[in-house]
Protein backbone atom coordinates (compact mmCIF):
# COMPACT_ATOMS: atom_id res chain seq x y z
CA MET A 1 -35.52 20.47 34.92
CA ASP A 2 -34.94 22.39 31.71
CA LEU A 3 -31.32 22.91 32.70
CA ILE A 4 -30.84 19.21 33.44
CA LYS A 5 -32.51 18.30 30.16
CA TYR A 6 -30.25 20.72 28.32
CA LEU A 7 -27.13 19.35 30.01
CA ILE A 8 -28.14 15.81 29.10
CA GLU A 9 -28.74 16.78 25.48
CA THR A 10 -25.27 18.32 25.24
CA THR A 11 -23.66 14.96 25.98
CA GLY A 12 -22.97 12.51 23.22
CA PHE A 13 -24.82 9.64 24.87
CA VAL A 14 -28.29 10.73 23.75
CA HIS A 15 -27.09 11.14 20.15
CA LEU A 16 -25.55 7.70 19.74
CA THR A 17 -26.80 5.60 16.82
CA PRO A 18 -26.48 1.83 16.23
CA GLY A 19 -24.24 2.57 13.26
CA MET A 20 -21.77 4.42 15.47
CA VAL A 21 -21.58 1.46 17.83
CA VAL A 22 -20.91 -0.85 14.89
CA MET A 23 -18.06 1.43 13.82
CA TRP A 24 -16.65 1.27 17.36
CA ILE A 25 -16.52 -2.50 17.05
CA ILE A 26 -14.73 -2.23 13.69
CA ALA A 27 -12.28 0.29 15.18
CA LEU A 28 -11.57 -1.94 18.16
CA GLY A 29 -11.08 -4.87 15.78
CA LEU A 30 -8.42 -3.00 13.83
CA MET A 31 -6.69 -1.94 17.03
CA TYR A 32 -6.78 -5.54 18.24
CA LEU A 33 -5.11 -6.74 15.03
CA ALA A 34 -2.46 -4.04 15.41
CA ILE A 35 -1.71 -4.69 19.09
CA ALA A 36 -2.35 -8.40 19.59
CA LYS A 37 -1.42 -9.72 16.13
CA ASN A 38 1.13 -7.07 15.12
CA TYR A 39 -0.58 -6.61 11.74
CA GLU A 40 0.69 -3.32 10.24
CA PRO A 41 0.49 -1.67 13.69
CA LEU A 42 2.01 1.63 12.56
CA LEU A 43 -1.04 2.30 10.39
CA LEU A 44 -3.86 0.11 11.67
CA LEU A 45 -3.55 1.48 15.22
CA PRO A 46 -3.99 5.20 14.32
CA ILE A 47 -6.55 4.31 11.64
CA GLY A 48 -8.55 2.31 14.17
CA PHE A 49 -8.42 5.13 16.70
CA GLY A 50 -9.39 7.64 14.01
CA ILE A 51 -12.48 5.55 13.20
CA LEU A 52 -13.38 5.40 16.90
CA VAL A 53 -13.20 9.13 17.62
CA ALA A 54 -14.82 10.12 14.32
CA ASN A 55 -17.90 8.15 15.36
CA LEU A 56 -18.39 9.96 18.65
CA PRO A 57 -21.43 12.26 18.38
CA LEU A 58 -20.97 16.02 18.85
CA ALA A 59 -17.17 15.70 18.96
CA GLY A 60 -16.93 17.52 15.63
CA LEU A 61 -13.45 16.21 14.83
CA MET A 62 -14.29 15.97 11.12
CA THR A 63 -16.40 19.13 10.89
CA PRO A 64 -15.24 21.05 7.79
CA GLU A 65 -13.10 24.10 8.54
CA GLU A 66 -13.20 23.53 12.32
CA GLY A 67 -12.55 19.89 13.20
CA LEU A 68 -9.03 18.91 14.23
CA LEU A 69 -8.90 15.72 12.15
CA TRP A 70 -10.55 17.50 9.24
CA LYS A 71 -7.61 19.91 9.24
CA PHE A 72 -5.18 16.98 9.19
CA TYR A 73 -7.15 15.49 6.29
CA HIS A 74 -7.50 18.73 4.36
CA PHE A 75 -3.96 20.04 4.65
CA GLY A 76 -2.22 16.67 4.72
CA ILE A 77 -4.13 14.51 2.25
CA GLN A 78 -6.29 16.77 0.10
CA TRP A 79 -3.33 19.07 -0.35
CA GLU A 80 -1.20 16.02 -1.35
CA VAL A 81 1.42 16.55 1.34
CA ILE A 82 1.45 13.41 3.47
CA PRO A 83 1.56 10.56 0.87
CA PRO A 84 4.61 12.06 -0.92
CA LEU A 85 6.36 12.52 2.44
CA ILE A 86 5.66 8.86 3.21
CA PHE A 87 7.34 8.01 -0.09
CA LEU A 88 10.33 10.17 0.84
CA GLY A 89 10.83 7.99 3.91
CA LEU A 90 10.24 4.79 1.96
CA GLY A 91 12.81 5.83 -0.62
CA ALA A 92 15.37 6.43 2.13
CA LEU A 93 14.70 2.90 3.39
CA THR A 94 14.83 1.20 -0.01
CA ASP A 95 17.79 -0.61 -1.52
CA PHE A 96 17.45 -0.90 -5.29
CA GLY A 97 20.60 -3.04 -5.44
CA PRO A 98 18.83 -6.42 -5.93
CA MET A 99 16.74 -5.00 -8.78
CA LEU A 100 19.75 -3.39 -10.46
CA ALA A 101 21.78 -6.59 -10.05
CA ARG A 102 19.22 -8.52 -12.10
CA PRO A 103 17.07 -6.08 -14.10
CA SER A 104 14.91 -8.87 -15.55
CA LEU A 105 13.22 -9.10 -12.15
CA LEU A 106 11.79 -5.64 -12.87
CA PHE A 107 9.25 -7.31 -15.17
CA LEU A 108 7.87 -9.32 -12.24
CA GLY A 109 7.01 -6.09 -10.46
CA ALA A 110 5.25 -4.88 -13.59
CA GLY A 111 3.47 -8.20 -14.16
CA ALA A 112 2.02 -8.20 -10.68
CA GLN A 113 0.11 -5.02 -11.54
CA ALA A 114 -2.21 -7.08 -13.76
CA GLY A 115 -4.52 -7.50 -10.78
CA VAL A 116 -4.97 -3.73 -10.65
CA TYR A 117 -6.26 -3.52 -14.21
CA ILE A 118 -8.35 -6.70 -14.10
CA THR A 119 -10.09 -5.52 -10.94
CA PHE A 120 -10.61 -2.09 -12.49
CA PHE A 121 -12.74 -3.65 -15.23
CA ALA A 122 -14.46 -5.99 -12.76
CA ALA A 123 -15.46 -3.06 -10.54
CA GLN A 124 -16.89 -1.23 -13.52
CA ALA A 125 -18.91 -4.32 -14.45
CA MET A 126 -20.32 -4.36 -10.90
CA GLY A 127 -21.69 -0.84 -11.26
CA PHE A 128 -18.96 1.37 -9.79
CA ASN A 129 -18.19 4.46 -11.83
CA ILE A 130 -14.88 4.67 -13.63
CA GLN A 131 -13.14 6.78 -10.95
CA GLU A 132 -14.31 4.47 -8.17
CA ALA A 133 -13.25 1.41 -10.18
CA ALA A 134 -9.73 2.80 -10.59
CA THR A 135 -9.50 3.50 -6.86
CA ILE A 136 -10.64 -0.03 -6.01
CA GLY A 137 -8.28 -1.57 -8.56
CA ILE A 138 -5.19 0.10 -7.10
CA ILE A 139 -5.76 -1.86 -3.88
CA GLY A 140 -4.28 -4.82 -5.78
CA GLY A 141 -0.87 -3.20 -5.59
CA ALA A 142 -1.02 -3.47 -1.77
CA ASP A 143 0.45 0.02 -1.49
CA GLY A 144 -1.37 2.07 1.14
CA PRO A 145 0.07 5.56 0.41
CA THR A 146 -0.55 5.19 -3.33
CA THR A 147 -4.11 4.03 -2.69
CA ILE A 148 -4.71 7.07 -0.48
CA PHE A 149 -3.09 9.41 -3.01
CA LEU A 150 -5.30 8.12 -5.85
CA ALA A 151 -8.49 7.94 -3.79
CA SER A 152 -8.11 11.53 -2.56
CA LYS A 153 -8.14 12.67 -6.19
CA LEU A 154 -10.60 10.34 -7.91
CA ALA A 155 -12.99 9.15 -5.19
CA PRO A 156 -12.56 11.03 -1.88
CA HIS A 157 -15.74 9.46 -0.46
CA MET A 158 -14.05 6.04 -0.73
CA LEU A 159 -10.71 7.06 0.76
CA GLY A 160 -11.17 5.49 4.19
CA VAL A 161 -12.65 2.25 2.92
CA CYS A 162 -9.99 1.73 0.24
CA ALA A 163 -7.14 2.70 2.58
CA VAL A 164 -8.26 0.24 5.26
CA ALA A 165 -8.68 -2.47 2.61
CA ALA A 166 -5.19 -1.81 1.21
CA TYR A 167 -3.50 -1.83 4.61
CA SER A 168 -5.52 -4.85 5.73
CA TYR A 169 -4.32 -6.88 2.76
CA MET A 170 -0.77 -5.66 3.32
CA ALA A 171 -1.04 -6.95 6.88
CA LEU A 172 -2.52 -10.25 5.71
CA VAL A 173 0.18 -10.98 3.12
CA PRO A 174 1.52 -13.94 5.20
CA ILE A 175 -1.98 -15.44 5.20
CA ILE A 176 -3.24 -14.64 1.68
CA GLN A 177 -0.16 -15.25 -0.46
CA PRO A 178 1.24 -18.66 0.60
CA PRO A 179 -1.80 -20.76 -0.49
CA ILE A 180 -1.75 -19.06 -3.91
CA MET A 181 2.00 -19.58 -4.21
CA ARG A 182 1.77 -23.28 -3.34
CA LEU A 183 -1.19 -23.81 -5.65
CA MET A 184 0.54 -22.28 -8.67
CA THR A 185 4.01 -23.81 -8.29
CA THR A 186 5.35 -27.33 -8.06
CA ASP A 187 7.68 -28.51 -5.34
CA ALA A 188 10.50 -28.64 -7.89
CA GLU A 189 9.86 -25.04 -8.94
CA ARG A 190 9.91 -23.86 -5.34
CA LYS A 191 13.31 -25.52 -4.92
CA ILE A 192 14.93 -23.62 -7.79
CA ARG A 193 18.00 -21.82 -6.47
CA MET A 194 18.98 -18.51 -7.93
CA LYS A 195 22.52 -17.84 -9.08
CA LYS A 196 24.51 -15.40 -7.03
CA ILE A 197 23.76 -11.83 -8.09
CA ARG A 198 26.51 -9.42 -9.01
CA LYS A 199 27.53 -6.65 -6.67
CA VAL A 200 26.07 -3.30 -7.67
CA ASN A 201 28.56 -0.46 -7.42
CA LYS A 202 27.91 2.82 -5.68
CA LEU A 203 27.80 4.87 -8.88
CA GLU A 204 24.95 2.75 -10.28
CA LYS A 205 22.95 3.23 -7.09
CA ILE A 206 23.45 7.00 -7.21
CA PHE A 207 22.51 7.31 -10.87
CA PHE A 208 19.41 5.11 -10.65
CA PRO A 209 17.10 7.44 -8.65
CA VAL A 210 18.09 10.39 -10.84
CA VAL A 211 17.54 8.55 -14.12
CA ALA A 212 14.37 6.82 -12.87
CA ALA A 213 12.86 10.14 -11.78
CA LEU A 214 13.62 11.73 -15.15
CA VAL A 215 12.26 8.86 -17.24
CA ILE A 216 9.14 8.02 -15.20
CA ILE A 217 8.04 11.63 -14.66
CA LEU A 218 8.58 12.49 -18.32
CA LEU A 219 6.48 9.47 -19.34
CA ILE A 220 3.77 9.87 -16.68
CA PRO A 221 3.78 13.40 -15.20
CA ALA A 222 0.79 12.60 -12.96
CA ALA A 223 3.02 10.24 -10.95
CA ALA A 224 5.50 13.04 -10.20
CA PRO A 225 4.59 13.78 -6.53
CA LEU A 226 5.19 10.19 -5.39
CA ILE A 227 8.06 9.28 -7.72
CA ALA A 228 9.97 12.53 -7.07
CA MET A 229 9.87 12.06 -3.30
CA PHE A 230 10.58 8.31 -3.53
CA MET A 231 13.69 8.84 -5.64
CA LEU A 232 14.86 11.82 -3.59
CA GLY A 233 14.74 9.70 -0.44
CA ASN A 234 16.72 6.99 -2.19
CA LEU A 235 19.26 9.52 -3.42
CA PHE A 236 19.70 10.71 0.19
CA ARG A 237 20.45 7.11 1.15
CA GLU A 238 22.81 6.21 -1.66
CA SER A 239 24.76 9.48 -1.87
CA GLY A 240 26.28 8.85 1.55
CA VAL A 241 26.82 12.58 2.17
CA VAL A 242 23.56 13.53 3.93
CA GLU A 243 23.34 11.05 6.79
CA ARG A 244 21.26 13.45 8.89
CA LEU A 245 18.66 13.87 6.14
CA THR A 246 18.61 10.13 5.50
CA HIS A 247 18.14 9.38 9.19
CA ALA A 248 15.41 12.01 9.54
CA SER A 249 13.59 10.69 6.46
CA GLN A 250 13.77 7.10 7.68
CA ASN A 251 12.79 7.83 11.27
CA GLU A 252 11.48 11.11 12.69
CA LEU A 253 9.79 12.44 9.54
CA LEU A 254 8.33 9.07 8.52
CA ASN A 255 7.01 8.45 12.02
CA ILE A 256 5.39 11.88 12.28
CA VAL A 257 3.64 11.76 8.90
CA THR A 258 2.48 8.20 9.60
CA ILE A 259 0.54 9.53 12.60
CA PHE A 260 -0.96 12.36 10.57
CA LEU A 261 -1.86 9.91 7.81
CA GLY A 262 -3.55 7.21 9.88
CA LEU A 263 -5.77 9.39 12.06
CA PRO A 264 -7.56 11.37 9.32
CA VAL A 265 -7.87 8.33 7.06
CA GLY A 266 -9.67 6.49 9.84
CA ALA A 267 -11.74 9.58 10.59
CA THR A 268 -13.20 9.57 7.06
CA MET A 269 -14.96 6.31 7.94
CA ASN A 270 -18.10 7.46 9.67
CA ALA A 271 -21.11 5.17 9.94
CA GLU A 272 -23.05 6.91 7.17
CA VAL A 273 -20.25 6.31 4.67
CA PHE A 274 -18.96 2.92 5.78
CA LEU A 275 -22.09 0.91 6.58
CA LYS A 276 -23.27 0.40 3.02
CA PRO A 277 -23.45 -2.76 0.86
CA GLU A 278 -20.93 -1.25 -1.55
CA VAL A 279 -18.25 -1.40 1.14
CA ILE A 280 -18.43 -5.19 1.23
CA PHE A 281 -17.90 -5.23 -2.54
CA VAL A 282 -14.87 -2.97 -2.16
CA PHE A 283 -13.23 -5.34 0.31
CA CYS A 284 -14.07 -8.38 -1.85
CA LEU A 285 -12.76 -6.72 -5.00
CA GLY A 286 -9.65 -5.59 -3.14
CA LEU A 287 -8.98 -9.19 -2.15
CA VAL A 288 -9.50 -10.29 -5.76
CA ALA A 289 -7.10 -7.58 -6.95
CA PHE A 290 -4.41 -8.59 -4.48
CA SER A 291 -4.81 -12.31 -5.21
CA VAL A 292 -4.74 -11.81 -8.99
CA SER A 293 -1.63 -9.62 -8.69
CA THR A 294 0.10 -12.40 -6.75
CA ALA A 295 -0.96 -15.06 -9.25
CA MET A 296 -0.05 -13.06 -12.34
CA GLY A 297 3.41 -12.34 -11.00
CA ILE A 298 4.00 -16.08 -10.65
CA VAL A 299 2.59 -16.76 -14.12
CA LEU A 300 4.91 -14.16 -15.66
CA ALA A 301 7.91 -15.73 -13.90
CA LYS A 302 6.98 -19.08 -15.42
CA ILE A 303 6.65 -17.54 -18.87
CA MET A 304 10.05 -15.89 -18.50
CA ASN A 305 11.56 -19.28 -17.62
CA LEU A 306 10.57 -20.56 -21.07
CA PHE A 307 13.14 -18.18 -22.57
CA LEU A 308 15.79 -17.88 -19.84
CA LYS A 309 18.84 -20.08 -19.62
CA ASP A 310 19.27 -19.34 -15.92
CA LYS A 311 15.84 -20.15 -14.51
CA ILE A 312 14.27 -17.95 -11.87
CA ASN A 313 12.25 -19.27 -8.97
CA PRO A 314 8.57 -18.59 -9.88
CA LEU A 315 7.85 -17.66 -6.27
CA LEU A 316 9.65 -14.38 -6.94
CA GLY A 317 6.68 -13.29 -9.03
CA ALA A 318 4.56 -13.10 -5.87
CA ALA A 319 6.95 -10.47 -4.50
CA GLY A 320 5.90 -8.12 -7.30
CA VAL A 321 3.15 -6.64 -5.14
CA SER A 322 4.13 -3.46 -3.32
CA ALA A 323 3.98 -4.76 0.24
CA VAL A 324 7.62 -4.05 1.11
CA PRO A 325 9.31 -6.03 2.60
CA MET A 326 6.54 -8.36 3.77
CA ALA A 327 5.94 -9.99 0.38
CA ALA A 328 9.67 -10.65 -0.06
CA ARG A 329 9.84 -12.28 3.37
CA VAL A 330 6.85 -14.50 2.58
CA VAL A 331 8.49 -15.63 -0.68
CA HIS A 332 11.64 -16.49 1.24
CA LYS A 333 9.66 -18.43 3.86
CA VAL A 334 7.68 -20.49 1.33
CA ALA A 335 10.88 -21.32 -0.58
CA GLN A 336 12.55 -22.50 2.62
CA GLU A 337 9.64 -24.81 3.36
CA ALA A 338 10.63 -26.72 0.21
CA ASP A 339 14.40 -26.34 0.67
CA LYS A 340 15.83 -25.01 3.91
CA LYS A 341 19.00 -23.90 2.13
CA ASN A 342 17.21 -21.87 -0.52
CA TYR A 343 17.67 -18.18 0.33
CA LEU A 344 15.44 -15.98 -1.81
CA LEU A 345 15.04 -12.90 0.35
CA MET A 346 17.64 -10.77 -1.42
CA TYR A 347 16.35 -11.79 -4.86
CA ALA A 348 12.73 -11.19 -3.84
CA MET A 349 13.51 -7.60 -2.89
CA GLY A 350 14.12 -6.86 -6.59
CA PRO A 351 10.54 -7.44 -7.80
CA ASN A 352 9.24 -6.14 -4.47
CA VAL A 353 10.66 -2.64 -4.91
CA ALA A 354 9.85 -2.80 -8.63
CA GLY A 355 6.25 -3.42 -7.59
CA VAL A 356 6.22 -0.13 -5.68
CA ILE A 357 7.24 1.72 -8.83
CA GLY A 358 4.75 -0.28 -10.89
CA THR A 359 1.84 0.61 -8.61
CA VAL A 360 2.73 4.31 -8.67
CA ILE A 361 2.89 4.19 -12.47
CA ALA A 362 -0.53 2.48 -12.56
CA ALA A 363 -1.93 5.23 -10.34
CA GLY A 364 -0.36 7.86 -12.59
CA ILE A 365 -1.98 6.30 -15.66
CA PHE A 366 -5.38 6.33 -13.97
CA LEU A 367 -4.93 9.98 -12.99
CA THR A 368 -3.86 10.95 -16.48
CA LEU A 369 -6.85 9.29 -18.11
CA LEU A 370 -9.57 9.87 -15.54
CA GLN A 371 -8.94 13.07 -13.60
């Protein structure tokens, strides 16, 4: 009998808690959204599975020094390896041409970061400490890797919650943004057609990542890991002489590090950490941050139109969040609802990629001031 009792006690079944079961439900919900709804499946699927296995008793996957997923987390995220590698792949996939063709659209990417700073102060007012508030605020940029990068430095205990919130809002861009866009623009504004943008030559595209890396890193050294890799990936793409490196950055490398990012991020969300009232506030504040970023981008576009001879479509301001290319596609779709011949996708990519840079700069400022 003692042997049977011992064998039973070595199974996970007798150590299950209600909180673990709740986390299973959350994990299955994320996996459902990834598989059935195709919402950010590349991240939500491994994150969901990471949550599931991290809440299995006695598995020890997140046991410090020994657990498999702990090793992924420690060497990949705490050592700041995986987020910069994600940015290397993103840079190799990014075309800065639309932004360079009309540099004024760069301001829309910067304006959309207002939600980050507004939410930062709101989170502080709600009782979060200054490091936690900065981590929550960065969710407004809708940039998962940047959120993870900042959280791992300022508030590691909030990494999983903030990462899931950021990727959830990235996935829900087609649901969250359109009502805000319609509310803040008139039908006539949504019908504004942009003038044809100039063609950006190859030399400009090659110089941009080099110059951008120099200027941004000199101004905000704390942003160096993400900006350096982002611009290197783009230089691979635009140089045209390292096709193998470009292809590897866009595909094999990006796919591999995405796996090793999602699993440990999900695994940080055990029941003891996640099932707290503060988590609900994080998700609510993240939604506020994302919504304010969308709204402020549109407001800035309208302000710019007061001084511009060639008016810009205010919807482009909503593309200033970092959800690339989802936000740009949503802008294009909403514009076509008003005018089927209004093609904004190419123009929307300008503020969209500018938003990526803006969010990284915001994270760098937080790190400089708060770390």
